[in-house]
Amino acid sequence: MSGNLVASMVRSGLYTRVIGKRIRFFQQLTSTMDQAHLYADLCIDEGTVVIAESQRSSRGRLGRTWISKPGNLYLSVVLYPDEVGLPLIGIIAALAVKKSIFKNTGVRPDIKWPNDILINGRKVAGILVESTIIADQIKYAIVGIGINISLKQEDLGELVASATSLDVALGYEVSRENILRTLLQELDSFYLGIKSGMSPIEEWRESLSTLSKRVSVDYMGLRVEGIAEDIDDLGNLIVKTDSGELVTLTSGDVTLAKDKIELQLPNINDPTN
């Protein structure tokens, strides 16, 4: 729908109190995060959503790039949370993405800590949260969301083994407008919830595919391996290492850690075998 994406969504009805009361749509940006930061520095209304059809310099977590081609969803939202709500922004964004996909497709994605959205073990959406804090005061937070809707396998390149899109994973065309509308409504509901003191942690815990599995976490130049035991009240991951130590991680890059098993194969050229 390209330029008609937002208009089409709004015509069908967008019922929110904070998120999406103001929406800025661009055919192309360097990134929606950069544009949202510019707006936030000008104290734009909370809940302003920046959407781009494509991005020239998009970014994901840990400085990674994000493939940004037309036909998918790339958006950032300006928020003004307090110190209690800030650590929960990425969590509610991940839950909102999961629920928007489920409500429109019937497929229930997994969430890999901290906030990658997976279908059949492949990443279909990602979350990025950036905040500006001055003199210990939270000025604003920007939450960026990218959802692969119509990316083809050839578009994914070397990521084809670890990433997918809704169209590819489900085998039919998924409505971007419906996903976007539901996403904004769910995010609005979750955000109002945390502002009123409700915690999303239990729902998030139940959605995580990482828990109870052996993981390897790269965190600030260190690697932590062990069993993902639980999350705490802020959503930090608690890993029990092989020595029995409990390590709490606030962020990191998680992969399933496979135990190394060395097999002694027979040498077919050895006459003793």
C-alpha atoms as a PDB file:
ATOM      1  CA  MET A   1       0.000   0.000   0.000  1.00  0.00           C
ATOM      2  CA  SER A   2       3.102   2.184   0.401  1.00  0.00           C
ATOM      3  CA  GLY A   3       1.937   5.786   0.894  1.00  0.00           C
ATOM      4  CA  ASN A   4      -1.607   4.683   1.693  1.00  0.00           C
ATOM      5  CA  LEU A   5      -0.525   2.458   4.595  1.00  0.00           C
ATOM      6  CA  VAL A   6      -1.378   4.880   7.392  1.00  0.00           C
ATOM      7  CA  ALA A   7      -4.480   6.320   5.704  1.00  0.00           C
ATOM      8  CA  SER A   8      -5.843   2.838   5.098  1.00  0.00           C
ATOM      9  CA  MET A   9      -5.216   1.827   8.700  1.00  0.00           C
ATOM     10  CA  VAL A  10      -6.840   4.954  10.114  1.00  0.00           C
ATOM     11  CA  ARG A  11      -9.900   4.611   7.871  1.00  0.00           C
ATOM     12  CA  SER A  12     -10.488   1.157   9.297  1.00  0.00           C
ATOM     13  CA  GLY A  13     -10.371   2.572  12.830  1.00  0.00           C
ATOM     14  CA  LEU A  14      -7.549   3.167  15.284  1.00  0.00           C
ATOM     15  CA  TYR A  15      -8.718   3.303  18.868  1.00  0.00           C
ATOM     16  CA  THR A  16      -5.920   4.425  21.189  1.00  0.00           C
ATOM     17  CA  ARG A  17      -5.460   6.972  23.963  1.00  0.00           C
ATOM     18  CA  VAL A  18      -1.724   7.671  23.722  1.00  0.00           C
ATOM     19  CA  ILE A  19       0.051   5.630  21.048  1.00  0.00           C
ATOM     20  CA  GLY A  20      -0.656   6.816  17.528  1.00  0.00           C
ATOM     21  CA  LYS A  21      -2.574   9.983  18.321  1.00  0.00           C
ATOM     22  CA  ARG A  22      -0.065  11.609  15.989  1.00  0.00           C
ATOM     23  CA  ILE A  23       1.491   9.644  13.122  1.00  0.00           C
ATOM     24  CA  ARG A  24       4.214  10.809  10.752  1.00  0.00           C
ATOM     25  CA  PHE A  25       4.668   8.760   7.576  1.00  0.00           C
ATOM     26  CA  PHE A  26       7.704   8.994   5.278  1.00  0.00           C
ATOM     27  CA  GLN A  27       8.451   7.180   2.049  1.00  0.00           C
ATOM     28  CA  GLN A  28      12.116   6.972   3.074  1.00  0.00           C
ATOM     29  CA  LEU A  29      14.259   7.969   6.047  1.00  0.00           C
ATOM     30  CA  THR A  30      17.760   7.284   7.246  1.00  0.00           C
ATOM     31  CA  SER A  31      15.943   5.567  10.129  1.00  0.00           C
ATOM     32  CA  THR A  32      12.712   6.047  12.036  1.00  0.00           C
ATOM     33  CA  MET A  33      14.789   6.082  15.242  1.00  0.00           C
ATOM     34  CA  ASP A  34      16.776   9.126  14.088  1.00  0.00           C
ATOM     35  CA  GLN A  35      13.617  10.990  13.120  1.00  0.00           C
ATOM     36  CA  ALA A  36      11.877  10.101  16.378  1.00  0.00           C
ATOM     37  CA  HIS A  37      14.877  11.411  18.342  1.00  0.00           C
ATOM     38  CA  LEU A  38      14.624  14.721  16.490  1.00  0.00           C
ATOM     39  CA  TYR A  39      10.931  14.967  17.372  1.00  0.00           C
ATOM     40  CA  ALA A  40      11.518  13.988  20.993  1.00  0.00           C
ATOM     41  CA  ASP A  41      14.194  16.673  21.362  1.00  0.00           C
ATOM     42  CA  LEU A  42      11.449  19.132  20.364  1.00  0.00           C
ATOM     43  CA  CYS A  43       9.124  17.666  23.026  1.00  0.00           C
ATOM     44  CA  ILE A  44       6.608  16.338  20.535  1.00  0.00           C
ATOM     45  CA  ASP A  45       3.420  14.735  21.882  1.00  0.00           C
ATOM     46  CA  GLU A  46       3.874  11.442  23.712  1.00  0.00           C
ATOM     47  CA  GLY A  47       2.883   8.490  21.601  1.00  0.00           C
ATOM     48  CA  THR A  48       3.922  10.080  18.305  1.00  0.00           C
ATOM     49  CA  VAL A  49       4.649   7.326  15.795  1.00  0.00           C
ATOM     50  CA  VAL A  50       7.196   7.668  12.990  1.00  0.00           C
ATOM     51  CA  ILE A  51       6.711   5.212  10.120  1.00  0.00           C
ATOM     52  CA  ALA A  52       8.884   4.770   7.034  1.00  0.00           C
ATOM     53  CA  GLU A  53       8.281   2.732   3.919  1.00  0.00           C
ATOM     54  CA  SER A  54      12.021   2.129   3.709  1.00  0.00           C
ATOM     55  CA  GLN A  55      15.175   3.142   5.583  1.00  0.00           C
ATOM     56  CA  ARG A  56      18.652   3.873   4.298  1.00  0.00           C
ATOM     57  CA  SER A  57      20.566   3.351   7.559  1.00  0.00           C
ATOM     58  CA  SER A  58      18.328   1.313   9.821  1.00  0.00           C
ATOM     59  CA  ARG A  59      19.768  -0.253  12.938  1.00  0.00           C
ATOM     60  CA  GLY A  60      18.913  -2.981  15.360  1.00  0.00           C
ATOM     61  CA  ARG A  61      20.207  -4.105  18.724  1.00  0.00           C
ATOM     62  CA  LEU A  62      23.976  -4.241  19.344  1.00  0.00           C
ATOM     63  CA  GLY A  63      24.643  -1.958  16.384  1.00  0.00           C
ATOM     64  CA  ARG A  64      23.394  -4.437  13.809  1.00  0.00           C
ATOM     65  CA  THR A  65      21.782  -3.301  10.579  1.00  0.00           C
ATOM     66  CA  TRP A  66      18.182  -4.167   9.742  1.00  0.00           C
ATOM     67  CA  ILE A  67      17.093  -4.959   6.182  1.00  0.00           C
ATOM     68  CA  SER A  68      14.607  -2.221   5.301  1.00  0.00           C
ATOM     69  CA  LYS A  69      12.720  -2.717   2.059  1.00  0.00           C
ATOM     70  CA  PRO A  70       9.225  -1.527   1.083  1.00  0.00           C
ATOM     71  CA  GLY A  71       6.290  -3.711   2.040  1.00  0.00           C
ATOM     72  CA  ASN A  72       7.282  -4.272   5.669  1.00  0.00           C
ATOM     73  CA  LEU A  73       6.788  -2.338   8.910  1.00  0.00           C
ATOM     74  CA  TYR A  74       9.380   0.056  10.285  1.00  0.00           C
ATOM     75  CA  LEU A  75       8.285   2.405  13.049  1.00  0.00           C
ATOM     76  CA  SER A  76       9.460   4.228  16.157  1.00  0.00           C
ATOM     77  CA  VAL A  77       7.376   5.626  19.004  1.00  0.00           C
ATOM     78  CA  VAL A  78       8.197   8.591  21.264  1.00  0.00           C
ATOM     79  CA  LEU A  79       7.475   7.940  24.949  1.00  0.00           C
ATOM     80  CA  TYR A  80       8.029   9.808  28.206  1.00  0.00           C
ATOM     81  CA  PRO A  81       8.182   7.037  30.840  1.00  0.00           C
ATOM     82  CA  ASP A  82       9.195   7.339  34.471  1.00  0.00           C
ATOM     83  CA  GLU A  83      12.002   5.330  36.085  1.00  0.00           C
ATOM     84  CA  VAL A  84       9.622   2.458  36.814  1.00  0.00           C
ATOM     85  CA  GLY A  85       8.276   2.232  33.290  1.00  0.00           C
ATOM     86  CA  LEU A  86      11.515   2.674  31.353  1.00  0.00           C
ATOM     87  CA  PRO A  87      12.893  -0.868  31.919  1.00  0.00           C
ATOM     88  CA  LEU A  88       9.545  -2.301  30.781  1.00  0.00           C
ATOM     89  CA  ILE A  89       9.319  -0.536  27.399  1.00  0.00           C
ATOM     90  CA  GLY A  90      11.084  -3.254  25.413  1.00  0.00           C
ATOM     91  CA  ILE A  91       9.021  -5.905  27.171  1.00  0.00           C
ATOM     92  CA  ILE A  92       5.638  -4.386  26.360  1.00  0.00           C
ATOM     93  CA  ALA A  93       6.742  -3.711  22.777  1.00  0.00           C
ATOM     94  CA  ALA A  94       7.650  -7.382  22.314  1.00  0.00           C
ATOM     95  CA  LEU A  95       4.338  -8.482  23.814  1.00  0.00           C
ATOM     96  CA  ALA A  96       2.433  -6.054  21.594  1.00  0.00           C
ATOM     97  CA  VAL A  97       4.151  -7.428  18.486  1.00  0.00           C
ATOM     98  CA  LYS A  98       3.412 -10.994  19.534  1.00  0.00           C
ATOM     99  CA  LYS A  99      -0.262 -10.262  20.168  1.00  0.00           C
ATOM    100  CA  SER A 100      -0.669  -8.317  16.930  1.00  0.00           C
ATOM    101  CA  ILE A 101       0.695 -11.252  14.927  1.00  0.00           C
ATOM    102  CA  PHE A 102      -1.436 -13.771  16.810  1.00  0.00           C
ATOM    103  CA  LYS A 103      -4.662 -11.779  16.508  1.00  0.00           C
ATOM    104  CA  ASN A 104      -4.215 -11.367  12.751  1.00  0.00           C
ATOM    105  CA  THR A 105      -2.813 -14.770  11.794  1.00  0.00           C
ATOM    106  CA  GLY A 106      -3.621 -17.233  14.581  1.00  0.00           C
ATOM    107  CA  VAL A 107       0.104 -17.978  14.890  1.00  0.00           C
ATOM    108  CA  ARG A 108       1.592 -17.550  18.375  1.00  0.00           C
ATOM    109  CA  PRO A 109       5.230 -16.389  18.028  1.00  0.00           C
ATOM    110  CA  ASP A 110       7.934 -17.031  20.593  1.00  0.00           C
ATOM    111  CA  ILE A 111       9.967 -14.298  22.259  1.00  0.00           C
ATOM    112  CA  LYS A 112      13.701 -14.867  22.619  1.00  0.00           C
ATOM    113  CA  TRP A 113      15.125 -12.816  25.470  1.00  0.00           C
ATOM    114  CA  PRO A 114      15.499  -9.923  25.467  1.00  0.00           C
ATOM    115  CA  ASN A 115      12.984  -9.130  22.729  1.00  0.00           C
ATOM    116  CA  ASP A 116      13.415 -10.956  19.412  1.00  0.00           C
ATOM    117  CA  ILE A 117      10.154 -12.281  17.952  1.00  0.00           C
ATOM    118  CA  LEU A 118      10.474 -15.734  16.382  1.00  0.00           C
ATOM    119  CA  ILE A 119       8.325 -17.970  14.221  1.00  0.00           C
ATOM    120  CA  ASN A 120       9.582 -21.544  13.859  1.00  0.00           C
ATOM    121  CA  GLY A 121      12.865 -20.464  15.416  1.00  0.00           C
ATOM    122  CA  ARG A 122      13.490 -17.677  12.912  1.00  0.00           C
ATOM    123  CA  LYS A 123      13.406 -13.967  13.659  1.00  0.00           C
ATOM    124  CA  VAL A 124      10.428 -12.162  12.183  1.00  0.00           C
ATOM    125  CA  ALA A 125      10.549  -8.963  14.250  1.00  0.00           C
ATOM    126  CA  GLY A 126      12.911  -7.024  16.468  1.00  0.00           C
ATOM    127  CA  ILE A 127      12.720  -4.315  19.111  1.00  0.00           C
ATOM    128  CA  LEU A 128      15.185  -1.509  19.860  1.00  0.00           C
ATOM    129  CA  VAL A 129      14.855   0.883  22.814  1.00  0.00           C
ATOM    130  CA  GLU A 130      16.976   4.022  23.134  1.00  0.00           C
ATOM    131  CA  SER A 131      16.608   6.577  25.912  1.00  0.00           C
ATOM    132  CA  THR A 132      18.011   9.991  26.702  1.00  0.00           C
ATOM    133  CA  ILE A 133      18.806  10.690  30.356  1.00  0.00           C
ATOM    134  CA  ILE A 134      20.152  14.040  31.513  1.00  0.00           C
ATOM    135  CA  ALA A 135      21.304  14.654  35.102  1.00  0.00           C
ATOM    136  CA  ASP A 136      19.674  11.399  36.225  1.00  0.00           C
ATOM    137  CA  GLN A 137      16.352  12.524  34.747  1.00  0.00           C
ATOM    138  CA  ILE A 138      14.675  10.520  31.985  1.00  0.00           C
ATOM    139  CA  LYS A 139      14.059  12.952  29.149  1.00  0.00           C
ATOM    140  CA  TYR A 140      12.437  10.458  26.763  1.00  0.00           C
ATOM    141  CA  ALA A 141      12.571   6.958  25.336  1.00  0.00           C
ATOM    142  CA  ILE A 142      12.222   5.804  21.761  1.00  0.00           C
ATOM    143  CA  VAL A 143      11.046   2.287  20.980  1.00  0.00           C
ATOM    144  CA  GLY A 144      11.745   1.051  17.463  1.00  0.00           C
ATOM    145  CA  ILE A 145       9.901  -1.910  15.972  1.00  0.00           C
ATOM    146  CA  GLY A 146      10.688  -3.718  12.743  1.00  0.00           C
ATOM    147  CA  ILE A 147       8.426  -6.481  11.447  1.00  0.00           C
ATOM    148  CA  ASN A 148       9.255  -8.496   8.347  1.00  0.00           C
ATOM    149  CA  ILE A 149       5.954  -8.770   6.500  1.00  0.00           C
ATOM    150  CA  SER A 150       6.789  -9.505   2.878  1.00  0.00           C
ATOM    151  CA  LEU A 151      10.568  -9.981   2.700  1.00  0.00           C
ATOM    152  CA  LYS A 152      11.398 -12.790   0.309  1.00  0.00           C
ATOM    153  CA  GLN A 153      14.034 -15.384   1.091  1.00  0.00           C
ATOM    154  CA  GLU A 154      16.354 -13.900  -1.530  1.00  0.00           C
ATOM    155  CA  ASP A 155      16.103 -10.542   0.265  1.00  0.00           C
ATOM    156  CA  LEU A 156      17.491 -12.045   3.472  1.00  0.00           C
ATOM    157  CA  GLY A 157      20.845 -13.037   2.022  1.00  0.00           C
ATOM    158  CA  GLU A 158      23.119 -14.584   4.657  1.00  0.00           C
ATOM    159  CA  LEU A 159      20.317 -14.225   7.230  1.00  0.00           C
ATOM    160  CA  VAL A 160      18.075 -16.703   5.449  1.00  0.00           C
ATOM    161  CA  ALA A 161      18.834 -19.437   8.014  1.00  0.00           C
ATOM    162  CA  SER A 162      17.964 -17.267  11.021  1.00  0.00           C
ATOM    163  CA  ALA A 163      15.307 -14.832   9.771  1.00  0.00           C
ATOM    164  CA  THR A 164      11.971 -14.959   7.982  1.00  0.00           C
ATOM    165  CA  SER A 165       8.913 -12.854   7.166  1.00  0.00           C
ATOM    166  CA  LEU A 166       5.242 -13.378   7.900  1.00  0.00           C
ATOM    167  CA  ASP A 167       4.385 -14.024   4.251  1.00  0.00           C
ATOM    168  CA  VAL A 168       7.138 -16.628   3.908  1.00  0.00           C
ATOM    169  CA  ALA A 169       6.483 -18.313   7.252  1.00  0.00           C
ATOM    170  CA  LEU A 170       2.711 -18.511   6.774  1.00  0.00           C
ATOM    171  CA  GLY A 171       2.547 -19.075   3.035  1.00  0.00           C
ATOM    172  CA  TYR A 172       0.085 -16.269   2.301  1.00  0.00           C
ATOM    173  CA  GLU A 173      -0.046 -12.469   2.154  1.00  0.00           C
ATOM    174  CA  VAL A 174      -0.535 -10.813   5.536  1.00  0.00           C
ATOM    175  CA  SER A 175      -2.190  -7.381   5.821  1.00  0.00           C
ATOM    176  CA  ARG A 176       0.286  -4.733   6.954  1.00  0.00           C
ATOM    177  CA  GLU A 177      -2.539  -2.379   7.811  1.00  0.00           C
ATOM    178  CA  ASN A 178      -4.146  -4.872  10.189  1.00  0.00           C
ATOM    179  CA  ILE A 179      -0.829  -5.754  11.830  1.00  0.00           C
ATOM    180  CA  LEU A 180      -0.014  -2.052  12.302  1.00  0.00           C
ATOM    181  CA  ARG A 181      -3.421  -1.166  13.713  1.00  0.00           C
ATOM    182  CA  THR A 182      -3.423  -4.043  16.187  1.00  0.00           C
ATOM    183  CA  LEU A 183       0.191  -3.348  17.149  1.00  0.00           C
ATOM    184  CA  LEU A 184      -0.509   0.283  18.051  1.00  0.00           C
ATOM    185  CA  GLN A 185      -3.641  -0.646  19.988  1.00  0.00           C
ATOM    186  CA  GLU A 186      -1.862  -3.380  21.939  1.00  0.00           C
ATOM    187  CA  LEU A 187       1.128  -1.150  22.677  1.00  0.00           C
ATOM    188  CA  ASP A 188      -1.251   1.563  23.855  1.00  0.00           C
ATOM    189  CA  SER A 189      -2.997  -0.872  26.195  1.00  0.00           C
ATOM    190  CA  PHE A 190       0.273  -2.177  27.658  1.00  0.00           C
ATOM    191  CA  TYR A 191       1.718   1.323  28.061  1.00  0.00           C
ATOM    192  CA  LEU A 192      -1.361   2.597  29.880  1.00  0.00           C
ATOM    193  CA  GLY A 193      -1.097  -0.515  32.041  1.00  0.00           C
ATOM    194  CA  ILE A 194       2.440   0.136  33.223  1.00  0.00           C
ATOM    195  CA  LYS A 195       1.586   3.800  33.820  1.00  0.00           C
ATOM    196  CA  SER A 196      -1.180   2.637  36.176  1.00  0.00           C
ATOM    197  CA  GLY A 197       1.171   0.261  38.019  1.00  0.00           C
ATOM    198  CA  MET A 198       0.407  -3.023  36.237  1.00  0.00           C
ATOM    199  CA  SER A 199       3.335  -5.333  35.526  1.00  0.00           C
ATOM    200  CA  PRO A 200       3.723  -7.238  32.231  1.00  0.00           C
ATOM    201  CA  ILE A 201       6.422  -9.508  33.654  1.00  0.00           C
ATOM    202  CA  GLU A 202       4.320 -12.644  34.204  1.00  0.00           C
ATOM    203  CA  GLU A 203       2.837 -12.535  30.708  1.00  0.00           C
ATOM    204  CA  TRP A 204       6.294 -11.950  29.305  1.00  0.00           C
ATOM    205  CA  ARG A 205       7.762 -14.824  31.315  1.00  0.00           C
ATOM    206  CA  GLU A 206       5.154 -17.162  29.839  1.00  0.00           C
ATOM    207  CA  SER A 207       6.012 -15.951  26.331  1.00  0.00           C
ATOM    208  CA  LEU A 208       9.782 -16.456  26.544  1.00  0.00           C
ATOM    209  CA  SER A 209      11.180 -19.413  24.639  1.00  0.00           C
ATOM    210  CA  THR A 210      14.579 -18.906  26.318  1.00  0.00           C
ATOM    211  CA  LEU A 211      13.737 -20.056  29.839  1.00  0.00           C
ATOM    212  CA  SER A 212      14.793 -23.512  31.051  1.00  0.00           C
ATOM    213  CA  LYS A 213      17.173 -23.876  28.108  1.00  0.00           C
ATOM    214  CA  ARG A 214      20.951 -23.947  28.025  1.00  0.00           C
ATOM    215  CA  VAL A 215      22.134 -20.630  26.647  1.00  0.00           C
ATOM    216  CA  SER A 216      25.250 -18.714  25.766  1.00  0.00           C
ATOM    217  CA  VAL A 217      25.001 -14.979  26.388  1.00  0.00           C
ATOM    218  CA  ASP A 218      27.517 -12.444  25.097  1.00  0.00           C
ATOM    219  CA  TYR A 219      27.351  -9.486  27.471  1.00  0.00           C
ATOM    220  CA  MET A 220      29.747  -6.515  27.567  1.00  0.00           C
ATOM    221  CA  GLY A 221      32.626  -8.513  26.129  1.00  0.00           C
ATOM    222  CA  LEU A 222      32.010 -11.497  28.360  1.00  0.00           C
ATOM    223  CA  ARG A 223      30.361 -14.829  27.633  1.00  0.00           C
ATOM    224  CA  VAL A 224      28.059 -16.414  30.180  1.00  0.00           C
ATOM    225  CA  GLU A 225      26.905 -20.000  29.674  1.00  0.00           C
ATOM    226  CA  GLY A 226      24.410 -21.968  31.654  1.00  0.00           C
ATOM    227  CA  ILE A 227      20.697 -22.588  32.136  1.00  0.00           C
ATOM    228  CA  ALA A 228      18.294 -19.673  31.693  1.00  0.00           C
ATOM    229  CA  GLU A 229      16.611 -20.055  35.074  1.00  0.00           C
ATOM    230  CA  ASP A 230      14.195 -17.136  35.218  1.00  0.00           C
ATOM    231  CA  ILE A 231      13.716 -13.389  34.825  1.00  0.00           C
ATOM    232  CA  ASP A 232      13.494 -10.862  37.640  1.00  0.00           C
ATOM    233  CA  ASP A 233      10.904  -8.123  38.184  1.00  0.00           C
ATOM    234  CA  LEU A 234      12.674  -5.861  35.690  1.00  0.00           C
ATOM    235  CA  GLY A 235      12.891  -8.541  33.024  1.00  0.00           C
ATOM    236  CA  ASN A 236      16.606  -9.208  33.499  1.00  0.00           C
ATOM    237  CA  LEU A 237      17.694 -12.741  32.648  1.00  0.00           C
ATOM    238  CA  ILE A 238      18.960 -14.966  35.459  1.00  0.00           C
ATOM    239  CA  VAL A 239      21.417 -17.609  34.259  1.00  0.00           C
ATOM    240  CA  LYS A 240      22.669 -20.460  36.428  1.00  0.00           C
ATOM    241  CA  THR A 241      26.202 -21.317  35.374  1.00  0.00           C
ATOM    242  CA  ASP A 242      27.767 -24.783  35.582  1.00  0.00           C
ATOM    243  CA  SER A 243      29.431 -23.766  38.856  1.00  0.00           C
ATOM    244  CA  GLY A 244      26.027 -23.019  40.365  1.00  0.00           C
ATOM    245  CA  GLU A 245      26.470 -19.240  40.334  1.00  0.00           C
ATOM    246  CA  LEU A 246      23.385 -17.147  39.499  1.00  0.00           C
ATOM    247  CA  VAL A 247      24.244 -14.347  37.082  1.00  0.00           C
ATOM    248  CA  THR A 248      21.764 -11.549  36.352  1.00  0.00           C
ATOM    249  CA  LEU A 249      22.039 -10.044  32.873  1.00  0.00           C
ATOM    250  CA  THR A 250      20.396  -6.763  31.901  1.00  0.00           C
ATOM    251  CA  SER A 251      21.039  -7.262  28.181  1.00  0.00           C
ATOM    252  CA  GLY A 252      23.037  -9.407  25.826  1.00  0.00           C
ATOM    253  CA  ASP A 253      23.047 -11.520  22.700  1.00  0.00           C
ATOM    254  CA  VAL A 254      21.540 -14.949  23.419  1.00  0.00           C
ATOM    255  CA  THR A 255      22.090 -18.151  21.500  1.00  0.00           C
ATOM    256  CA  LEU A 256      21.222 -21.700  22.440  1.00  0.00           C
ATOM    257  CA  ALA A 257      24.427 -23.276  23.713  1.00  0.00           C
ATOM    258  CA  LYS A 258      24.997 -26.781  22.420  1.00  0.00           C
ATOM    259  CA  ASP A 259      27.022 -29.060  24.612  1.00  0.00           C
ATOM    260  CA  LYS A 260      30.223 -30.050  22.854  1.00  0.00           C
ATOM    261  CA  ILE A 261      30.394 -33.789  22.279  1.00  0.00           C
ATOM    262  CA  GLU A 262      33.464 -35.213  20.615  1.00  0.00           C
ATOM    263  CA  LEU A 263      32.820 -38.460  18.781  1.00  0.00           C
ATOM    264  CA  GLN A 264      35.722 -40.842  18.173  1.00  0.00           C
ATOM    265  CA  LEU A 265      35.037 -42.107  14.667  1.00  0.00           C
ATOM    266  CA  PRO A 266      36.828 -45.217  13.376  1.00  0.00           C
ATOM    267  CA  ASN A 267      39.587 -44.707  10.841  1.00  0.00           C
ATOM    268  CA  ILE A 268      38.579 -46.786   7.857  1.00  0.00           C
ATOM    269  CA  ASN A 269      42.210 -46.881   6.727  1.00  0.00           C
ATOM    270  CA  ASP A 270      43.384 -48.421  10.026  1.00  0.00           C
ATOM    271  CA  PRO A 271      43.617 -52.235   9.564  1.00  0.00           C
ATOM    272  CA  THR A 272      42.947 -52.742  13.271  1.00  0.00           C
ATOM    273  CA  ASN A 273      39.374 -51.426  12.890  1.00  0.00           C
END
